[in-house]
Amino acid sequence: MRDILIRNADVVVTMDATRRELAGADILLRGGVVAAVGQGLPADGAEVVEARGCVVTPGLVNTHHHLYQTLTRAVPGGQDALLFGWLKTLYPIWARFGPEEMFVSAQVGLAELALTGCSLSSDHLYLYPNGARLEDTIEAAATVGLRFHPTRGAMSIGESDGGLPPDSLVEREAAILEDMIRVVDAFHDSTEGSMVRVGLAPCSPFSVSRDLMREAALLARDKGVMLHTHLAENDEDIAYSLAKFGVRPGQYAEDLGWTGPDVWHAHCVKLDAGEIDLFARSRTGVAHCPCSNCRLGSGIAPVRAMRDAGVPVGLGVDGSASNDAGNLINEARQALLLQRVARGADAMSAREALEIATLGGAQVLGRGDCGALVPGKRADVAIWDISGIEAAGSWDAVAALVLCGPGRVRDLFVEGRRVVAGGQMVTVELPRIVERQTALARKLRD
């Protein structure tokens, strides 16, 4: 792999221990890692990428997604519903998916993330109709070139047993655990610089049993992989937990072994002060999904209180059926705006929102090798052209990136390999993939 020298950036946002921002700086990428950061670095035969007029950041990190949902954006009947009603509308549609739908929708969703600066994404796949498997998404990520953290999700309690999903979408718990072992053994790579790490992710307290939650936690610790689920997403979620289990979601999670630095929960909109303290003490992570929380009317997550307490927080776009976009830099802006609506104009700065979108997300996913532009970290780099109309007239280029744009990267490198160049995907033929995605969506609709 040839060395790459990113040269003359207006600002390099390092996200190092002191959050340095370097003006007129260069970054040398060598062998998949950041080799050097500073002014006037020699090219020494490296491919030179000119970054004048640009802000350079670590690649953004997406901590929660349902990639298959890019096939069901803006579905009538689900556009104006709360979480449970939205799910009841979409479950029958998702039941008609198969391997091709999973693969193509993952390609589209990951390409959309790449174009908005994301270099590392998790995915929560919790339904497997008609022969679909987790590797459908893993293979899609390999074609796009993003670093990937898929999770083997599951639903085991259908409508006939008092659960929310239809019986056609649930699996036997023994089969779920068996397949969790299979995918971890086949695809999980724990080494530094890994392109694929697998997590275990029973869907939610209202779609799996306490036994499965407990067994998944034991299995994850035995295999050395991370745990993920939805938690405390809205008032309905809290009411279900109190009625069904007699405890709030935080206590439910702790009782079943679902707290610790190897666990991250999606949403957590309704965590109370005691639950925030629990997550801070146990270093349990949170995937904050501001746009989806707005779209479903779930509420404003207490991110300011979480951060102040020491809870690890990253950003997630959530599924494209509840967002309905997969624009990660826009999530940073939305996170900032929501905290200011809830807590005042000084509740969150643009730089803190950018930190949550990069270093914060890497920490939540247990990726100490990602999230910062310092020597030895992985060469995941986003180059943002701020010379266009979106940032025209801005006085602070780093703040402008979050507050006004651009909303798409000029270039994106993952493990030192170019994924986006000049604002265009270079790893996949995007028009062809979008055409196939559109055809599949029309078939489902009709």
Protein backbone atom coordinates (compact mmCIF):
# COMPACT_ATOMS: atom_id res chain seq x y z
CA MET A 1 0.00 0.00 0.00
CA ARG A 2 1.47 3.34 -1.07
CA ASP A 3 1.99 6.07 1.54
CA ILE A 4 -0.44 9.01 1.38
CA LEU A 5 0.42 12.55 2.41
CA ILE A 6 -2.58 14.80 3.09
CA ARG A 7 -1.01 18.22 2.74
CA ASN A 8 -1.75 21.84 3.69
CA ALA A 9 -5.08 21.33 5.46
CA ASP A 10 -6.54 24.56 6.77
CA VAL A 11 -7.21 22.75 10.06
CA VAL A 12 -6.47 19.22 11.27
CA VAL A 13 -8.75 18.26 14.16
CA THR A 14 -6.67 15.63 15.95
CA MET A 15 -8.99 14.59 18.82
CA ASP A 16 -5.81 13.80 20.75
CA ALA A 17 -5.59 13.96 24.55
CA THR A 18 -5.54 17.78 24.49
CA ARG A 19 -7.90 18.12 21.48
CA ARG A 20 -5.28 19.98 19.43
CA GLU A 21 -6.28 21.68 16.20
CA LEU A 22 -3.36 22.26 13.84
CA ALA A 23 -3.43 24.99 11.19
CA GLY A 24 -1.71 24.44 7.83
CA ALA A 25 -0.91 20.86 8.77
CA ASP A 26 -0.15 17.57 7.02
CA ILE A 27 -0.97 13.94 7.82
CA LEU A 28 1.10 10.99 6.63
CA LEU A 29 -0.71 7.66 6.26
CA ARG A 30 1.43 4.53 6.09
CA GLY A 31 0.45 0.88 6.23
CA GLY A 32 -3.09 1.59 7.39
CA VAL A 33 -2.11 3.85 10.31
CA VAL A 34 -1.39 7.52 10.93
CA ALA A 35 2.41 7.77 10.72
CA ALA A 36 2.86 11.48 11.41
CA VAL A 37 0.92 14.72 11.91
CA GLY A 38 2.49 18.16 11.64
CA GLN A 39 3.56 21.02 9.38
CA GLY A 40 5.80 20.56 6.38
CA LEU A 41 6.02 16.77 6.36
CA PRO A 42 8.19 15.43 3.49
CA ALA A 43 6.43 13.53 0.71
CA ASP A 44 9.22 10.98 0.16
CA GLY A 45 7.41 9.30 -2.71
CA ALA A 46 3.97 9.33 -1.09
CA GLU A 47 0.82 10.07 -3.07
CA VAL A 48 0.01 13.70 -2.25
CA VAL A 49 -3.57 14.73 -1.52
CA GLU A 50 -3.93 18.50 -1.45
CA ALA A 51 -6.18 19.67 1.41
CA ARG A 52 -5.97 23.45 1.16
CA GLY A 53 -9.40 24.91 1.90
CA CYS A 54 -10.35 21.83 3.93
CA VAL A 55 -10.92 20.72 7.50
CA VAL A 56 -9.56 17.25 8.22
CA THR A 57 -11.09 15.15 10.99
CA PRO A 58 -10.97 11.56 12.13
CA GLY A 59 -13.57 9.47 10.32
CA LEU A 60 -16.93 9.69 12.04
CA VAL A 61 -18.23 6.69 13.99
CA ASN A 62 -21.83 5.44 13.81
CA THR A 63 -22.77 3.48 16.91
CA HIS A 64 -26.32 2.39 16.00
CA HIS A 65 -27.99 1.51 12.70
CA HIS A 66 -30.43 -0.92 11.13
CA LEU A 67 -29.06 -1.01 7.61
CA TYR A 68 -31.84 -3.18 6.21
CA GLN A 69 -34.28 -0.33 6.80
CA THR A 70 -32.91 1.76 3.92
CA LEU A 71 -35.47 -0.20 1.86
CA THR A 72 -38.36 1.20 3.89
CA ARG A 73 -37.96 4.95 4.10
CA ALA A 74 -41.04 7.17 4.39
CA VAL A 75 -43.48 4.24 4.49
CA PRO A 76 -47.13 5.40 4.71
CA GLY A 77 -48.73 4.37 7.96
CA GLY A 78 -45.45 4.63 9.82
CA GLN A 79 -44.62 8.24 9.08
CA ASP A 80 -46.59 9.70 12.00
CA ALA A 81 -46.56 6.87 14.55
CA LEU A 82 -44.87 6.39 17.89
CA LEU A 83 -42.35 3.57 18.30
CA PHE A 84 -44.69 0.62 18.91
CA GLY A 85 -47.18 1.64 16.20
CA TRP A 86 -44.35 2.30 13.78
CA LEU A 87 -42.96 -1.18 14.38
CA LYS A 88 -46.37 -2.83 13.92
CA THR A 89 -46.67 -1.12 10.52
CA LEU A 90 -43.25 -2.23 9.31
CA TYR A 91 -42.87 -5.75 10.70
CA PRO A 92 -45.06 -7.32 7.95
CA ILE A 93 -42.99 -5.58 5.25
CA TRP A 94 -39.67 -6.66 6.74
CA ALA A 95 -40.98 -10.23 6.89
CA ARG A 96 -40.81 -10.31 3.07
CA PHE A 97 -37.08 -9.51 2.98
CA GLY A 98 -34.44 -12.02 1.95
CA PRO A 99 -30.65 -12.13 1.44
CA GLU A 100 -30.64 -9.75 -1.54
CA GLU A 101 -32.66 -7.12 0.29
CA MET A 102 -30.27 -7.31 3.24
CA PHE A 103 -27.17 -7.08 1.04
CA VAL A 104 -28.28 -4.24 -1.23
CA SER A 105 -29.81 -2.13 1.54
CA ALA A 106 -26.59 -2.50 3.56
CA GLN A 107 -24.55 -1.35 0.56
CA VAL A 108 -26.73 1.71 0.10
CA GLY A 109 -26.79 2.55 3.80
CA LEU A 110 -23.03 2.22 4.21
CA ALA A 111 -22.33 4.25 1.08
CA GLU A 112 -24.61 6.98 2.42
CA LEU A 113 -22.65 6.95 5.66
CA ALA A 114 -19.31 7.07 3.83
CA LEU A 115 -20.39 10.12 1.85
CA THR A 116 -21.18 11.90 5.13
CA GLY A 117 -17.79 11.18 6.66
CA CYS A 118 -18.33 7.88 8.46
CA SER A 119 -15.47 5.38 8.47
CA LEU A 120 -16.74 2.93 11.14
CA SER A 121 -20.33 1.79 11.57
CA SER A 122 -22.10 -0.69 13.77
CA ASP A 123 -25.28 -2.42 12.62
CA HIS A 124 -28.08 -4.04 14.62
CA LEU A 125 -29.67 -6.80 12.53
CA TYR A 126 -32.31 -8.56 14.61
CA LEU A 127 -34.52 -10.29 12.00
CA TYR A 128 -33.55 -12.98 9.51
CA PRO A 129 -36.48 -13.79 7.21
CA ASN A 130 -36.34 -16.08 4.18
CA GLY A 131 -32.75 -17.25 4.57
CA ALA A 132 -31.15 -13.89 5.39
CA ARG A 133 -27.96 -14.10 7.48
CA LEU A 134 -25.61 -11.69 9.21
CA GLU A 135 -22.97 -12.26 6.54
CA ASP A 136 -25.22 -10.59 3.97
CA THR A 137 -24.34 -7.28 5.63
CA ILE A 138 -20.70 -8.22 6.31
CA GLU A 139 -20.18 -8.92 2.62
CA ALA A 140 -21.83 -5.60 1.75
CA ALA A 141 -19.49 -3.72 4.08
CA ALA A 142 -16.49 -5.37 2.43
CA THR A 143 -17.58 -4.04 -0.97
CA VAL A 144 -18.05 -0.50 0.35
CA GLY A 145 -14.83 -0.51 2.37
CA LEU A 146 -16.03 0.72 5.75
CA ARG A 147 -14.85 -0.61 9.07
CA PHE A 148 -17.79 -2.62 10.38
CA HIS A 149 -19.20 -3.76 13.73
CA PRO A 150 -22.26 -5.91 12.89
CA THR A 151 -24.28 -7.36 15.74
CA ARG A 152 -26.19 -10.63 15.69
CA GLY A 153 -29.55 -9.43 16.96
CA ALA A 154 -32.63 -11.53 17.61
CA MET A 155 -36.32 -11.57 18.51
CA SER A 156 -37.77 -14.59 20.32
CA ILE A 157 -41.13 -13.51 21.77
CA GLY A 158 -43.86 -13.12 19.15
CA GLU A 159 -47.41 -11.85 19.38
CA SER A 160 -48.80 -15.20 20.48
CA ASP A 161 -46.56 -15.05 23.59
CA GLY A 162 -47.34 -11.42 24.42
CA GLY A 163 -44.48 -9.86 22.45
CA LEU A 164 -44.66 -7.11 19.84
CA PRO A 165 -43.29 -8.75 16.65
CA PRO A 166 -45.31 -11.20 14.54
CA ASP A 167 -44.55 -14.86 15.15
CA SER A 168 -43.11 -15.15 11.62
CA LEU A 169 -40.16 -12.94 12.60
CA VAL A 170 -39.10 -14.60 15.84
CA GLU A 171 -36.63 -17.47 16.26
CA ARG A 172 -36.13 -20.27 18.75
CA GLU A 173 -33.71 -19.18 21.46
CA ALA A 174 -31.55 -22.28 21.12
CA ALA A 175 -31.15 -21.56 17.41
CA ILE A 176 -30.34 -17.92 18.14
CA LEU A 177 -27.54 -18.81 20.55
CA GLU A 178 -26.19 -21.40 18.16
CA ASP A 179 -26.01 -18.87 15.32
CA MET A 180 -24.43 -16.27 17.60
CA ILE A 181 -21.60 -18.73 18.24
CA ARG A 182 -21.32 -19.43 14.50
CA VAL A 183 -21.01 -15.79 13.40
CA VAL A 184 -18.56 -14.83 16.15
CA ASP A 185 -16.34 -17.79 15.34
CA ALA A 186 -16.53 -17.12 11.61
CA PHE A 187 -16.22 -13.33 11.40
CA HIS A 188 -15.08 -11.64 14.62
CA ASP A 189 -11.56 -10.21 14.47
CA SER A 190 -10.31 -8.75 17.75
CA THR A 191 -6.92 -7.63 16.46
CA GLU A 192 -5.91 -3.98 16.27
CA GLY A 193 -7.00 -2.47 12.97
CA SER A 194 -9.70 -5.09 12.52
CA MET A 195 -12.20 -4.36 9.75
CA VAL A 196 -14.91 -6.59 11.28
CA ARG A 197 -15.87 -7.13 14.89
CA VAL A 198 -19.09 -8.93 15.78
CA GLY A 199 -21.36 -8.14 18.73
CA LEU A 200 -24.38 -9.90 20.25
CA ALA A 201 -27.61 -7.91 20.33
CA PRO A 202 -30.99 -9.31 21.40
CA CYS A 203 -33.37 -6.71 20.06
CA SER A 204 -35.16 -5.24 23.07
CA PRO A 205 -36.83 -6.08 26.39
CA PHE A 206 -40.21 -6.33 24.60
CA SER A 207 -39.10 -8.89 21.98
CA VAL A 208 -36.83 -11.36 23.82
CA SER A 209 -36.94 -13.23 27.12
CA ARG A 210 -34.93 -12.51 30.22
CA ASP A 211 -33.30 -15.91 29.72
CA LEU A 212 -32.02 -14.95 26.27
CA MET A 213 -30.68 -11.63 27.55
CA ARG A 214 -28.85 -13.44 30.34
CA GLU A 215 -27.51 -16.22 28.10
CA ALA A 216 -26.35 -13.72 25.46
CA ALA A 217 -24.41 -11.80 28.13
CA LEU A 218 -22.71 -14.97 29.34
CA LEU A 219 -21.88 -15.98 25.78
CA ALA A 220 -20.50 -12.54 24.90
CA ARG A 221 -18.15 -12.58 27.89
CA ASP A 222 -17.03 -16.09 27.04
CA LYS A 223 -16.27 -15.03 23.46
CA GLY A 224 -14.84 -11.61 24.34
CA VAL A 225 -17.31 -9.65 22.23
CA MET A 226 -19.55 -6.66 22.98
CA LEU A 227 -23.25 -6.52 23.82
CA HIS A 228 -25.87 -4.17 22.36
CA THR A 229 -29.63 -3.62 22.61
CA HIS A 230 -32.33 -0.93 22.70
CA LEU A 231 -33.11 0.54 26.11
CA ALA A 232 -35.36 3.21 27.62
CA GLU A 233 -36.29 4.56 24.20
CA ASN A 234 -39.59 6.25 25.05
CA ASP A 235 -42.42 6.37 27.60
CA GLU A 236 -43.98 3.19 26.17
CA ASP A 237 -40.70 1.40 26.74
CA ILE A 238 -40.56 2.49 30.39
CA ALA A 239 -44.20 1.51 30.98
CA TYR A 240 -43.59 -1.95 29.46
CA SER A 241 -40.56 -2.54 31.67
CA LEU A 242 -42.40 -1.53 34.83
CA ALA A 243 -45.48 -3.61 33.97
CA LYS A 244 -43.63 -6.68 32.74
CA PHE A 245 -40.55 -6.80 34.96
CA GLY A 246 -41.43 -4.55 37.88
CA VAL A 247 -38.28 -2.44 37.43
CA ARG A 248 -37.02 0.42 35.28
CA PRO A 249 -34.84 -0.45 32.25
CA GLY A 250 -31.56 0.35 33.99
CA GLN A 251 -32.24 -2.09 36.81
CA TYR A 252 -33.43 -4.68 34.27
CA ALA A 253 -30.13 -4.32 32.40
CA GLU A 254 -28.00 -4.55 35.55
CA ASP A 255 -29.86 -7.60 36.86
CA LEU A 256 -29.14 -9.50 33.62
CA GLY A 257 -25.46 -8.60 33.29
CA TRP A 258 -26.03 -5.86 30.73
CA THR A 259 -23.83 -3.13 32.19
CA GLY A 260 -20.10 -2.61 31.79
CA PRO A 261 -17.54 -1.26 29.31
CA ASP A 262 -18.37 -4.11 26.90
CA VAL A 263 -22.03 -3.02 26.66
CA TRP A 264 -23.67 -0.17 24.79
CA HIS A 265 -27.39 0.63 24.67
CA ALA A 266 -29.23 2.50 21.93
CA HIS A 267 -31.35 5.60 22.64
CA CYS A 268 -31.60 5.79 26.47
CA VAL A 269 -33.92 8.77 26.05
CA LYS A 270 -35.67 8.14 29.34
CA LEU A 271 -32.81 7.26 31.68
CA ASP A 272 -33.29 8.82 35.10
CA ALA A 273 -30.56 10.16 37.39
CA GLY A 274 -30.03 6.80 39.10
CA GLU A 275 -29.64 5.00 35.77
CA ILE A 276 -27.21 7.63 34.51
CA ASP A 277 -25.13 7.13 37.65
CA LEU A 278 -25.23 3.36 37.12
CA PHE A 279 -24.00 3.70 33.53
CA ALA A 280 -21.28 6.14 34.57
CA ARG A 281 -19.98 3.87 37.35
CA SER A 282 -20.04 0.79 35.13
CA ARG A 283 -18.75 2.60 32.00
CA THR A 284 -21.79 1.38 30.04
CA GLY A 285 -22.02 3.12 26.66
CA VAL A 286 -24.91 4.91 24.99
CA ALA A 287 -25.68 5.32 21.28
CA HIS A 288 -27.49 8.66 21.02
CA CYS A 289 -29.81 8.85 17.98
CA PRO A 290 -31.15 12.43 17.97
CA CYS A 291 -32.87 12.53 14.56
CA SER A 292 -34.68 9.22 15.07
CA ASN A 293 -35.72 10.26 18.56
CA CYS A 294 -37.25 13.41 17.06
CA ARG A 295 -38.87 11.55 14.16
CA LEU A 296 -40.61 9.06 16.47
CA GLY A 297 -41.46 11.67 19.09
CA SER A 298 -39.51 9.75 21.71
CA GLY A 299 -38.05 12.79 23.45
CA ILE A 300 -34.67 14.40 24.13
CA ALA A 301 -32.03 12.13 25.61
CA PRO A 302 -30.23 13.60 28.67
CA VAL A 303 -26.88 13.68 26.90
CA ARG A 304 -25.57 16.67 28.85
CA ALA A 305 -26.23 14.87 32.13
CA MET A 306 -24.72 11.65 30.76
CA ARG A 307 -21.54 13.36 29.59
CA ASP A 308 -21.16 15.32 32.81
CA ALA A 309 -21.50 12.10 34.81
CA GLY A 310 -18.92 10.29 32.66
CA VAL A 311 -21.16 8.01 30.59
CA PRO A 312 -19.48 7.11 27.26
CA VAL A 313 -21.71 8.55 24.50
CA GLY A 314 -21.53 8.13 20.73
CA LEU A 315 -23.87 9.03 17.89
CA GLY A 316 -26.10 6.78 15.81
CA VAL A 317 -28.23 7.47 12.76
CA ASP A 318 -30.57 4.59 13.71
CA GLY A 319 -32.51 2.85 10.95
CA SER A 320 -33.44 4.72 7.81
CA ALA A 321 -37.08 3.84 8.40
CA SER A 322 -37.09 6.03 11.52
CA ASN A 323 -34.67 8.81 10.63
CA ASP A 324 -35.11 8.65 7.52
CA ALA A 325 -31.57 9.66 6.54
CA GLY A 326 -28.15 8.18 7.19
CA ASN A 327 -26.19 11.44 7.46
CA LEU A 328 -23.86 11.20 10.44
CA ILE A 329 -22.52 14.77 10.42
CA ASN A 330 -26.14 15.93 10.55
CA GLU A 331 -26.62 13.84 13.70
CA ALA A 332 -23.84 15.85 15.34
CA ARG A 333 -25.67 19.08 14.54
CA GLN A 334 -28.97 17.68 15.74
CA ALA A 335 -27.40 16.46 18.99
CA LEU A 336 -26.11 19.97 19.66
CA LEU A 337 -29.46 21.58 18.85
CA LEU A 338 -31.49 19.24 21.06
CA GLN A 339 -29.27 19.75 24.09
CA ARG A 340 -29.57 23.50 23.61
CA VAL A 341 -33.36 23.26 23.34
CA ALA A 342 -33.43 21.29 26.58
CA ARG A 343 -30.68 23.02 28.56
CA GLY A 344 -29.88 26.40 26.98
CA ALA A 345 -27.56 27.80 24.31
CA ASP A 346 -24.40 26.88 26.21
CA ALA A 347 -25.40 23.24 26.78
CA MET A 348 -23.19 21.83 24.03
CA SER A 349 -20.57 23.31 21.72
CA ALA A 350 -19.92 22.38 18.11
CA ARG A 351 -16.56 20.92 19.09
CA GLU A 352 -18.10 18.69 21.74
CA ALA A 353 -20.65 17.43 19.22
CA LEU A 354 -17.82 16.62 16.81
CA GLU A 355 -15.93 14.84 19.58
CA ILE A 356 -18.98 12.67 20.32
CA ALA A 357 -19.23 11.86 16.58
CA THR A 358 -15.59 10.70 16.37
CA LEU A 359 -13.65 9.83 19.51
CA GLY A 360 -16.80 9.31 21.56
CA GLY A 361 -18.19 6.75 19.14
CA ALA A 362 -14.88 4.90 18.95
CA GLN A 363 -14.77 4.66 22.73
CA VAL A 364 -18.35 3.34 22.90
CA LEU A 365 -17.49 0.59 20.39
CA GLY A 366 -14.32 -0.34 22.25
CA ARG A 367 -12.09 0.86 19.41
CA GLY A 368 -9.10 2.42 21.13
CA ASP A 369 -7.30 2.23 17.79
CA CYS A 370 -9.76 4.62 16.09
CA GLY A 371 -11.33 8.04 16.59
CA ALA A 372 -8.25 10.29 16.61
CA LEU A 373 -5.57 11.53 14.21
CA VAL A 374 -2.43 10.76 16.18
CA PRO A 375 0.53 8.55 15.24
CA GLY A 376 -0.31 4.90 15.70
CA LYS A 377 -4.07 5.24 15.32
CA ARG A 378 -5.78 3.73 12.28
CA ALA A 379 -5.74 5.80 9.11
CA ASP A 380 -9.47 6.64 9.07
CA VAL A 381 -9.60 10.22 7.78
CA ALA A 382 -12.37 12.53 6.55
CA ILE A 383 -11.51 15.59 4.43
CA TRP A 384 -14.20 18.29 4.34
CA ASP A 385 -14.05 21.03 1.70
CA ILE A 386 -15.15 24.24 3.43
CA SER A 387 -14.65 26.49 0.40
CA GLY A 388 -18.21 25.98 -0.87
CA ILE A 389 -21.43 27.84 -0.26
CA GLU A 390 -22.42 25.95 2.90
CA ALA A 391 -19.56 27.41 4.94
CA ALA A 392 -19.15 30.65 2.99
CA GLY A 393 -18.64 33.54 5.40
CA SER A 394 -17.83 31.35 8.40
CA TRP A 395 -15.17 32.60 10.82
CA ASP A 396 -14.51 29.31 12.60
CA ALA A 397 -14.01 26.42 10.18
CA VAL A 398 -14.29 23.64 12.78
CA ALA A 399 -17.52 24.97 14.29
CA ALA A 400 -18.86 25.61 10.79
CA LEU A 401 -18.47 21.93 9.94
CA VAL A 402 -21.13 21.09 12.55
CA LEU A 403 -23.22 24.25 12.44
CA CYS A 404 -23.60 24.79 8.72
CA GLY A 405 -21.78 22.21 6.63
CA PRO A 406 -20.74 20.87 4.20
CA GLY A 407 -22.90 17.81 4.73
CA ARG A 408 -20.71 15.54 2.59
CA VAL A 409 -17.02 14.75 2.59
CA ARG A 410 -14.69 15.49 -0.28
CA ASP A 411 -12.46 12.49 0.51
CA LEU A 412 -12.64 9.59 2.95
CA PHE A 413 -9.87 7.13 3.81
CA VAL A 414 -10.48 3.94 5.80
CA GLU A 415 -7.41 1.94 6.89
CA GLY A 416 -5.47 4.24 4.53
CA ARG A 417 -7.57 3.19 1.51
CA ARG A 418 -9.64 5.73 -0.39
CA VAL A 419 -13.39 5.12 -0.19
CA VAL A 420 -14.62 8.56 -1.32
CA ALA A 421 -12.75 10.83 -3.74
CA GLY A 422 -13.97 14.21 -4.90
CA GLY A 423 -17.33 13.61 -3.24
CA GLN A 424 -17.92 10.35 -5.13
CA MET A 425 -17.79 6.71 -4.07
CA VAL A 426 -14.82 4.90 -5.58
CA THR A 427 -15.33 1.43 -4.11
CA VAL A 428 -18.79 0.70 -5.51
CA GLU A 429 -20.79 1.76 -8.55
CA LEU A 430 -23.34 3.78 -6.64
CA PRO A 431 -25.87 4.51 -9.44
CA ARG A 432 -26.22 0.78 -10.16
CA ILE A 433 -26.72 -0.05 -6.47
CA VAL A 434 -29.30 2.71 -6.04
CA GLU A 435 -31.15 1.49 -9.13
CA ARG A 436 -31.34 -2.02 -7.69
CA GLN A 437 -32.42 -0.67 -4.31
CA THR A 438 -35.22 1.31 -5.93
CA ALA A 439 -36.42 -1.76 -7.82
CA LEU A 440 -36.49 -3.84 -4.62
CA ALA A 441 -38.40 -1.12 -2.74
CA ARG A 442 -41.00 -0.90 -5.52
CA LYS A 443 -41.44 -4.66 -5.47
CA LEU A 444 -42.08 -4.57 -1.72
CA ARG A 445 -44.49 -1.67 -2.07
CA ASP A 446 -46.46 -3.19 -4.94
